[in-house]
């Protein structure tokens, strides 16, 4: 994390923005008091990354899950949940 004074922020705005673009957080101080921290935006994850983060199921649990889905009493009708 980078720390800059409010004066340095005003003088070196482009450098601070470059640090944010590199994924660094920047803390701004004035008179040795922290005013705040600017954080880069959270990086979007791909669908593959999201699935890779899920806990892994053992094969027997996966088979039981598939069997439960197959045996569930679902129909193919699509209904509007807001209409009665």
PDB file of N, CA and C in Angstrom:
ATOM      1  N   UNK A   1       0.846  -1.174   0.000  1.00  0.00           N
ATOM      2  CA  UNK A   1       0.000   0.000   0.000  1.00  0.00           C
ATOM      3  C   UNK A   1       0.888   1.233   0.000  1.00  0.00           C
ATOM      4  N   UNK A   2       0.520   2.180  -0.826  1.00  0.00           N
ATOM      5  CA  UNK A   2       1.248   3.432  -0.943  1.00  0.00           C
ATOM      6  C   UNK A   2       0.573   4.481  -0.063  1.00  0.00           C
ATOM      7  N   UNK A   3       1.379   5.312   0.569  1.00  0.00           N
ATOM      8  CA  UNK A   3       0.843   6.414   1.363  1.00  0.00           C
ATOM      9  C   UNK A   3       1.360   7.717   0.779  1.00  0.00           C
ATOM     10  N   UNK A   4       0.462   8.670   0.541  1.00  0.00           N
ATOM     11  CA  UNK A   4       0.846   9.986   0.025  1.00  0.00           C
ATOM     12  C   UNK A   4       0.147  11.056   0.853  1.00  0.00           C
ATOM     13  N   UNK A   5       0.778  12.213   0.894  1.00  0.00           N
ATOM     14  CA  UNK A   5       0.132  13.344   1.566  1.00  0.00           C
ATOM     15  C   UNK A   5      -0.871  13.963   0.599  1.00  0.00           C
ATOM     16  N   UNK A   6      -1.768  14.767   1.139  1.00  0.00           N
ATOM     17  CA  UNK A   6      -2.755  15.438   0.299  1.00  0.00           C
ATOM     18  C   UNK A   6      -2.054  16.333  -0.714  1.00  0.00           C
ATOM     19  N   UNK A   7      -0.963  16.976  -0.301  1.00  0.00           N
ATOM     20  CA  UNK A   7      -0.198  17.833  -1.211  1.00  0.00           C
ATOM     21  C   UNK A   7       0.410  17.004  -2.334  1.00  0.00           C
ATOM     22  N   UNK A   8       1.013  15.844  -1.980  1.00  0.00           N
ATOM     23  CA  UNK A   8       1.585  14.976  -3.008  1.00  0.00           C
ATOM     24  C   UNK A   8       0.509  14.458  -3.960  1.00  0.00           C
ATOM     25  N   UNK A   9      -0.663  14.188  -3.418  1.00  0.00           N
ATOM     26  CA  UNK A   9      -1.757  13.732  -4.265  1.00  0.00           C
ATOM     27  C   UNK A   9      -2.083  14.796  -5.314  1.00  0.00           C
ATOM     28  N   UNK A  10      -2.128  16.056  -4.884  1.00  0.00           N
ATOM     29  CA  UNK A  10      -2.423  17.144  -5.812  1.00  0.00           C
ATOM     30  C   UNK A  10      -1.311  17.295  -6.852  1.00  0.00           C
ATOM     31  N   UNK A  11      -0.084  17.102  -6.441  1.00  0.00           N
ATOM     32  CA  UNK A  11       1.055  17.284  -7.351  1.00  0.00           C
ATOM     33  C   UNK A  11       1.287  16.080  -8.255  1.00  0.00           C
ATOM     34  N   UNK A  12       0.995  14.877  -7.753  1.00  0.00           N
ATOM     35  CA  UNK A  12       1.337  13.647  -8.478  1.00  0.00           C
ATOM     36  C   UNK A  12       0.101  12.796  -8.772  1.00  0.00           C
ATOM     37  N   UNK A  13      -0.966  13.447  -9.145  1.00  0.00           N
ATOM     38  CA  UNK A  13      -2.221  12.730  -9.388  1.00  0.00           C
ATOM     39  C   UNK A  13      -2.033  11.601 -10.393  1.00  0.00           C
ATOM     40  N   UNK A  14      -1.322  11.850 -11.487  1.00  0.00           N
ATOM     41  CA  UNK A  14      -1.135  10.819 -12.507  1.00  0.00           C
ATOM     42  C   UNK A  14      -0.409   9.603 -11.944  1.00  0.00           C
ATOM     43  N   UNK A  15       0.598   9.814 -11.108  1.00  0.00           N
ATOM     44  CA  UNK A  15       1.333   8.694 -10.524  1.00  0.00           C
ATOM     45  C   UNK A  15       0.442   7.895  -9.572  1.00  0.00           C
ATOM     46  N   UNK A  16      -0.394   8.599  -8.815  1.00  0.00           N
ATOM     47  CA  UNK A  16      -1.318   7.905  -7.907  1.00  0.00           C
ATOM     48  C   UNK A  16      -2.321   7.091  -8.718  1.00  0.00           C
ATOM     49  N   UNK A  17      -2.826   7.664  -9.802  1.00  0.00           N
ATOM     50  CA  UNK A  17      -3.756   6.934 -10.655  1.00  0.00           C
ATOM     51  C   UNK A  17      -3.086   5.722 -11.298  1.00  0.00           C
ATOM     52  N   UNK A  18      -1.814   5.864 -11.671  1.00  0.00           N
ATOM     53  CA  UNK A  18      -1.067   4.726 -12.218  1.00  0.00           C
ATOM     54  C   UNK A  18      -0.939   3.611 -11.182  1.00  0.00           C
ATOM     55  N   UNK A  19      -0.696   3.984  -9.924  1.00  0.00           N
ATOM     56  CA  UNK A  19      -0.597   2.983  -8.859  1.00  0.00           C
ATOM     57  C   UNK A  19      -1.926   2.254  -8.696  1.00  0.00           C
ATOM     58  N   UNK A  20      -3.026   2.988  -8.750  1.00  0.00           N
ATOM     59  CA  UNK A  20      -4.351   2.356  -8.668  1.00  0.00           C
ATOM     60  C   UNK A  20      -4.570   1.419  -9.846  1.00  0.00           C
ATOM     61  N   UNK A  21      -4.144   1.832 -11.025  1.00  0.00           N
ATOM     62  CA  UNK A  21      -4.306   0.989 -12.207  1.00  0.00           C
ATOM     63  C   UNK A  21      -3.500  -0.301 -12.089  1.00  0.00           C
ATOM     64  N   UNK A  22      -2.406  -0.263 -11.345  1.00  0.00           N
ATOM     65  CA  UNK A  22      -1.592  -1.466 -11.113  1.00  0.00           C
ATOM     66  C   UNK A  22      -2.188  -2.342 -10.015  1.00  0.00           C
ATOM     67  N   UNK A  23      -3.283  -1.880  -9.395  1.00  0.00           N
ATOM     68  CA  UNK A  23      -3.926  -2.672  -8.355  1.00  0.00           C
ATOM     69  C   UNK A  23      -3.496  -2.312  -6.953  1.00  0.00           C
ATOM     70  N   UNK A  24      -2.748  -1.233  -6.792  1.00  0.00           N
ATOM     71  CA  UNK A  24      -2.291  -0.821  -5.460  1.00  0.00           C
ATOM     72  C   UNK A  24      -3.343   0.040  -4.770  1.00  0.00           C
ATOM     73  N   UNK A  25      -3.406  -0.044  -3.455  1.00  0.00           N
ATOM     74  CA  UNK A  25      -4.242   0.865  -2.664  1.00  0.00           C
ATOM     75  C   UNK A  25      -3.393   2.068  -2.288  1.00  0.00           C
ATOM     76  N   UNK A  26      -4.023   3.219  -2.174  1.00  0.00           N
ATOM     77  CA  UNK A  26      -3.308   4.453  -1.837  1.00  0.00           C
ATOM     78  C   UNK A  26      -3.984   5.099  -0.636  1.00  0.00           C
ATOM     79  N   UNK A  27      -3.202   5.356   0.407  1.00  0.00           N
ATOM     80  CA  UNK A  27      -3.711   6.029   1.604  1.00  0.00           C
ATOM     81  C   UNK A  27      -3.289   7.498   1.536  1.00  0.00           C
ATOM     82  N   UNK A  28      -4.238   8.401   1.788  1.00  0.00           N
ATOM     83  CA  UNK A  28      -3.967   9.842   1.757  1.00  0.00           C
ATOM     84  C   UNK A  28      -3.935  10.357   3.183  1.00  0.00           C
ATOM     85  N   UNK A  29      -2.890  11.119   3.492  1.00  0.00           N
ATOM     86  CA  UNK A  29      -2.747  11.710   4.824  1.00  0.00           C
ATOM     87  C   UNK A  29      -2.648  13.225   4.713  1.00  0.00           C
ATOM     88  N   UNK A  30      -2.994  13.888   5.810  1.00  0.00           N
ATOM     89  CA  UNK A  30      -2.785  15.332   5.936  1.00  0.00           C
ATOM     90  C   UNK A  30      -2.422  15.581   7.386  1.00  0.00           C
ATOM     91  N   UNK A  31      -1.308  16.251   7.620  1.00  0.00           N
ATOM     92  CA  UNK A  31      -0.806  16.517   8.973  1.00  0.00           C
ATOM     93  C   UNK A  31      -0.686  15.221   9.778  1.00  0.00           C
ATOM     94  N   UNK A  32      -0.136  14.198   9.131  1.00  0.00           N
ATOM     95  CA  UNK A  32       0.074  12.887   9.747  1.00  0.00           C
ATOM     96  C   UNK A  32      -1.219  12.209  10.207  1.00  0.00           C
ATOM     97  N   UNK A  33      -2.329  12.632   9.668  1.00  0.00           N
ATOM     98  CA  UNK A  33      -3.620  12.011   9.961  1.00  0.00           C
ATOM     99  C   UNK A  33      -4.143  11.359   8.686  1.00  0.00           C
ATOM    100  N   UNK A  34      -4.545  10.115   8.802  1.00  0.00           N
ATOM    101  CA  UNK A  34      -5.082   9.419   7.633  1.00  0.00           C
ATOM    102  C   UNK A  34      -6.456   9.984   7.298  1.00  0.00           C
ATOM    103  N   UNK A  35      -6.604  10.438   6.058  1.00  0.00           N
ATOM    104  CA  UNK A  35      -7.890  10.953   5.597  1.00  0.00           C
ATOM    105  C   UNK A  35      -8.734   9.853   4.971  1.00  0.00           C
ATOM    106  N   UNK A  36      -8.059   8.921   4.330  1.00  0.00           N
ATOM    107  CA  UNK A  36      -8.797   7.837   3.690  1.00  0.00           C
ATOM    108  C   UNK A  36      -7.886   7.006   2.817  1.00  0.00           C
ATOM    109  N   UNK A  37      -8.460   5.959   2.282  1.00  0.00           N
ATOM    110  CA  UNK A  37      -7.728   5.058   1.400  1.00  0.00           C
ATOM    111  C   UNK A  37      -8.532   4.876   0.126  1.00  0.00           C
ATOM    112  N   UNK A  38      -7.845   4.970  -0.994  1.00  0.00           N
ATOM    113  CA  UNK A  38      -8.456   4.724  -2.293  1.00  0.00           C
ATOM    114  C   UNK A  38      -8.026   3.333  -2.717  1.00  0.00           C
ATOM    115  N   UNK A  39      -9.003   2.499  -3.039  1.00  0.00           N
ATOM    116  CA  UNK A  39      -8.720   1.133  -3.462  1.00  0.00           C
ATOM    117  C   UNK A  39      -9.096   0.957  -4.918  1.00  0.00           C
ATOM    118  N   UNK A  40      -8.345   0.138  -5.643  1.00  0.00           N
ATOM    119  CA  UNK A  40      -8.735  -0.140  -7.025  1.00  0.00           C
ATOM    120  C   UNK A  40     -10.031  -0.941  -7.038  1.00  0.00           C
ATOM    121  N   UNK A  41     -10.756  -0.904  -8.138  1.00  0.00           N
ATOM    122  CA  UNK A  41     -11.995  -1.680  -8.189  1.00  0.00           C
ATOM    123  C   UNK A  41     -11.698  -3.162  -8.115  1.00  0.00           C
ATOM    124  N   UNK A  42     -12.644  -3.890  -7.587  1.00  0.00           N
ATOM    125  CA  UNK A  42     -12.495  -5.347  -7.534  1.00  0.00           C
ATOM    126  C   UNK A  42     -12.480  -5.876  -8.961  1.00  0.00           C
ATOM    127  N   UNK A  43     -11.580  -6.782  -9.216  1.00  0.00           N
ATOM    128  CA  UNK A  43     -11.460  -7.365 -10.549  1.00  0.00           C
ATOM    129  C   UNK A  43     -12.620  -8.334 -10.774  1.00  0.00           C
ATOM    130  N   UNK A  44     -13.220  -8.237 -11.934  1.00  0.00           N
ATOM    131  CA  UNK A  44     -14.302  -9.167 -12.270  1.00  0.00           C
ATOM    132  C   UNK A  44     -13.724 -10.562 -12.442  1.00  0.00           C
ATOM    133  N   UNK A  45     -14.464 -11.542 -12.040  1.00  0.00           N
ATOM    134  CA  UNK A  45     -14.018 -12.926 -12.211  1.00  0.00           C
ATOM    135  C   UNK A  45     -14.794 -13.566 -13.350  1.00  0.00           C
ATOM    136  N   UNK A  46     -14.137 -14.460 -14.029  1.00  0.00           N
ATOM    137  CA  UNK A  46     -14.806 -15.191 -15.101  1.00  0.00           C
ATOM    138  C   UNK A  46     -15.668 -16.282 -14.478  1.00  0.00           C
ATOM    139  N   UNK A  47     -16.558 -16.815 -15.266  1.00  0.00           N
ATOM    140  CA  UNK A  47     -17.413 -17.898 -14.791  1.00  0.00           C
ATOM    141  C   UNK A  47     -16.563 -19.098 -14.392  1.00  0.00           C
ATOM    142  N   UNK A  48     -15.522 -19.382 -15.167  1.00  0.00           N
ATOM    143  CA  UNK A  48     -14.641 -20.500 -14.855  1.00  0.00           C
ATOM    144  C   UNK A  48     -13.970 -20.290 -13.502  1.00  0.00           C
ATOM    145  N   UNK A  49     -13.471 -19.059 -13.239  1.00  0.00           N
ATOM    146  CA  UNK A  49     -12.828 -18.777 -11.950  1.00  0.00           C
ATOM    147  C   UNK A  49     -13.818 -18.937 -10.800  1.00  0.00           C
ATOM    148  N   UNK A  50     -15.054 -18.488 -11.020  1.00  0.00           N
ATOM    149  CA  UNK A  50     -16.065 -18.613  -9.966  1.00  0.00           C
ATOM    150  C   UNK A  50     -16.333 -20.083  -9.651  1.00  0.00           C
ATOM    151  N   UNK A  51     -16.447 -20.900 -10.682  1.00  0.00           N
ATOM    152  CA  UNK A  51     -16.683 -22.326 -10.449  1.00  0.00           C
ATOM    153  C   UNK A  51     -15.480 -22.999  -9.803  1.00  0.00           C
ATOM    154  N   UNK A  52     -14.280 -22.577 -10.165  1.00  0.00           N
ATOM    155  CA  UNK A  52     -13.081 -23.177  -9.572  1.00  0.00           C
ATOM    156  C   UNK A  52     -12.971 -22.865  -8.085  1.00  0.00           C
ATOM    157  N   UNK A  53     -13.590 -21.779  -7.645  1.00  0.00           N
ATOM    158  CA  UNK A  53     -13.551 -21.415  -6.226  1.00  0.00           C
ATOM    159  C   UNK A  53     -14.546 -22.212  -5.379  1.00  0.00           C
ATOM    160  N   UNK A  54     -15.517 -22.829  -6.039  1.00  0.00           N
ATOM    161  CA  UNK A  54     -16.507 -23.606  -5.293  1.00  0.00           C
ATOM    162  C   UNK A  54     -15.840 -24.822  -4.662  1.00  0.00           C
ATOM    163  N   UNK A  55     -16.302 -25.209  -3.488  1.00  0.00           N
ATOM    164  CA  UNK A  55     -15.740 -26.423  -2.888  1.00  0.00           C
ATOM    165  C   UNK A  55     -16.054 -27.636  -3.760  1.00  0.00           C
ATOM    166  N   UNK A  56     -15.118 -28.552  -3.795  1.00  0.00           N
ATOM    167  CA  UNK A  56     -15.280 -29.749  -4.618  1.00  0.00           C
ATOM    168  C   UNK A  56     -16.181 -30.753  -3.911  1.00  0.00           C
ATOM    169  N   UNK A  57     -17.016 -31.430  -4.708  1.00  0.00           N
ATOM    170  CA  UNK A  57     -17.909 -32.467  -4.195  1.00  0.00           C
ATOM    171  C   UNK A  57     -17.248 -33.818  -4.429  1.00  0.00           C
ATOM    172  N   UNK A  58     -17.375 -34.677  -3.470  1.00  0.00           N
ATOM    173  CA  UNK A  58     -16.864 -36.033  -3.677  1.00  0.00           C
ATOM    174  C   UNK A  58     -17.763 -36.731  -4.699  1.00  0.00           C
ATOM    175  N   UNK A  59     -17.236 -37.722  -5.409  1.00  0.00           N
ATOM    176  CA  UNK A  59     -18.048 -38.395  -6.427  1.00  0.00           C
ATOM    177  C   UNK A  59     -19.341 -38.994  -5.875  1.00  0.00           C
ATOM    178  N   UNK A  60     -19.315 -39.561  -4.670  1.00  0.00           N
ATOM    179  CA  UNK A  60     -20.549 -40.152  -4.139  1.00  0.00           C
ATOM    180  C   UNK A  60     -21.583 -39.085  -3.803  1.00  0.00           C
ATOM    181  N   UNK A  61     -21.142 -37.946  -3.297  1.00  0.00           N
ATOM    182  CA  UNK A  61     -22.082 -36.848  -3.019  1.00  0.00           C
ATOM    183  C   UNK A  61     -22.652 -36.324  -4.335  1.00  0.00           C
ATOM    184  N   UNK A  62     -21.817 -36.210  -5.350  1.00  0.00           N
ATOM    185  CA  UNK A  62     -22.291 -35.737  -6.657  1.00  0.00           C
ATOM    186  C   UNK A  62     -23.327 -36.689  -7.235  1.00  0.00           C
ATOM    187  N   UNK A  63     -23.099 -37.968  -7.104  1.00  0.00           N
ATOM    188  CA  UNK A  63     -24.066 -38.953  -7.615  1.00  0.00           C
ATOM    189  C   UNK A  63     -25.392 -38.869  -6.862  1.00  0.00           C
ATOM    190  N   UNK A  64     -25.329 -38.705  -5.547  1.00  0.00           N
ATOM    191  CA  UNK A  64     -26.565 -38.561  -4.763  1.00  0.00           C
ATOM    192  C   UNK A  64     -27.308 -37.287  -5.164  1.00  0.00           C
ATOM    193  N   UNK A  65     -26.564 -36.212  -5.408  1.00  0.00           N
ATOM    194  CA  UNK A  65     -27.180 -34.951  -5.824  1.00  0.00           C
ATOM    195  C   UNK A  65     -27.878 -35.128  -7.174  1.00  0.00           C
ATOM    196  N   UNK A  66     -27.203 -35.760  -8.123  1.00  0.00           N
ATOM    197  CA  UNK A  66     -27.810 -35.986  -9.433  1.00  0.00           C
ATOM    198  C   UNK A  66     -29.064 -36.854  -9.308  1.00  0.00           C
ATOM    199  N   UNK A  67     -29.010 -37.862  -8.470  1.00  0.00           N
ATOM    200  CA  UNK A  67     -30.177 -38.722  -8.277  1.00  0.00           C
ATOM    201  C   UNK A  67     -31.331 -37.935  -7.668  1.00  0.00           C
ATOM    202  N   UNK A  68     -31.034 -37.081  -6.695  1.00  0.00           N
ATOM    203  CA  UNK A  68     -32.092 -36.259  -6.090  1.00  0.00           C
ATOM    204  C   UNK A  68     -32.737 -35.348  -7.130  1.00  0.00           C
ATOM    205  N   UNK A  69     -31.944 -34.752  -8.004  1.00  0.00           N
ATOM    206  CA  UNK A  69     -32.482 -33.866  -9.041  1.00  0.00           C
ATOM    207  C   UNK A  69     -33.349 -34.667 -10.012  1.00  0.00           C
ATOM    208  N   UNK A  70     -32.861 -35.839 -10.419  1.00  0.00           N
ATOM    209  CA  UNK A  70     -33.630 -36.676 -11.347  1.00  0.00           C
ATOM    210  C   UNK A  70     -34.966 -37.104 -10.732  1.00  0.00           C
ATOM    211  N   UNK A  71     -34.974 -37.370  -9.437  1.00  0.00           N
ATOM    212  CA  UNK A  71     -36.170 -37.870  -8.771  1.00  0.00           C
ATOM    213  C   UNK A  71     -37.087 -36.760  -8.252  1.00  0.00           C
ATOM    214  N   UNK A  72     -36.669 -35.523  -8.395  1.00  0.00           N
ATOM    215  CA  UNK A  72     -37.491 -34.413  -7.904  1.00  0.00           C
ATOM    216  C   UNK A  72     -38.746 -34.292  -8.766  1.00  0.00           C
ATOM    217  N   UNK A  73     -39.774 -33.744  -8.180  1.00  0.00           N
ATOM    218  CA  UNK A  73     -41.054 -33.626  -8.876  1.00  0.00           C
ATOM    219  C   UNK A  73     -41.135 -32.272  -9.587  1.00  0.00           C
ATOM    220  N   UNK A  74     -40.277 -32.073 -10.576  1.00  0.00           N
ATOM    221  CA  UNK A  74     -40.298 -30.832 -11.353  1.00  0.00           C
ATOM    222  C   UNK A  74     -41.158 -31.035 -12.580  1.00  0.00           C
ATOM    223  N   UNK A  75     -41.814 -29.963 -13.011  1.00  0.00           N
ATOM    224  CA  UNK A  75     -42.493 -30.035 -14.303  1.00  0.00           C
ATOM    225  C   UNK A  75     -41.802 -29.055 -15.246  1.00  0.00           C
ATOM    226  N   UNK A  76     -42.184 -29.085 -16.494  1.00  0.00           N
ATOM    227  CA  UNK A  76     -41.532 -28.250 -17.501  1.00  0.00           C
ATOM    228  C   UNK A  76     -42.248 -26.920 -17.704  1.00  0.00           C
ATOM    229  N   UNK A  77     -43.275 -26.661 -16.924  1.00  0.00           N
ATOM    230  CA  UNK A  77     -44.033 -25.432 -17.087  1.00  0.00           C
ATOM    231  C   UNK A  77     -43.254 -24.254 -16.504  1.00  0.00           C
ATOM    232  N   UNK A  78     -43.234 -23.164 -17.255  1.00  0.00           N
ATOM    233  CA  UNK A  78     -42.585 -21.943 -16.791  1.00  0.00           C
ATOM    234  C   UNK A  78     -43.673 -20.985 -16.353  1.00  0.00           C
ATOM    235  N   UNK A  79     -43.569 -20.487 -15.135  1.00  0.00           N
ATOM    236  CA  UNK A  79     -44.580 -19.593 -14.580  1.00  0.00           C
ATOM    237  C   UNK A  79     -43.941 -18.265 -14.177  1.00  0.00           C
ATOM    238  N   UNK A  80     -44.731 -17.210 -14.315  1.00  0.00           N
ATOM    239  CA  UNK A  80     -44.302 -15.895 -13.872  1.00  0.00           C
ATOM    240  C   UNK A  80     -44.473 -15.851 -12.358  1.00  0.00           C
ATOM    241  N   UNK A  81     -43.413 -15.699 -11.572  1.00  0.00           N
ATOM    242  CA  UNK A  81     -43.542 -15.745 -10.116  1.00  0.00           C
ATOM    243  C   UNK A  81     -44.322 -14.558  -9.537  1.00  0.00           C
ATOM    244  N   UNK A  82     -44.529 -13.493 -10.325  1.00  0.00           N
ATOM    245  CA  UNK A  82     -45.241 -12.331  -9.798  1.00  0.00           C
ATOM    246  C   UNK A  82     -46.723 -12.353 -10.144  1.00  0.00           C
ATOM    247  N   UNK A  83     -47.124 -13.281 -10.974  1.00  0.00           N
ATOM    248  CA  UNK A  83     -48.550 -13.397 -11.305  1.00  0.00           C
ATOM    249  C   UNK A  83     -49.177 -14.515 -10.496  1.00  0.00           C
ATOM    250  N   UNK A  84     -50.385 -14.290 -10.076  1.00  0.00           N
ATOM    251  CA  UNK A  84     -51.089 -15.309  -9.289  1.00  0.00           C
ATOM    252  C   UNK A  84     -51.952 -16.146 -10.167  1.00  0.00           C
TER     253      UNK A  84
END
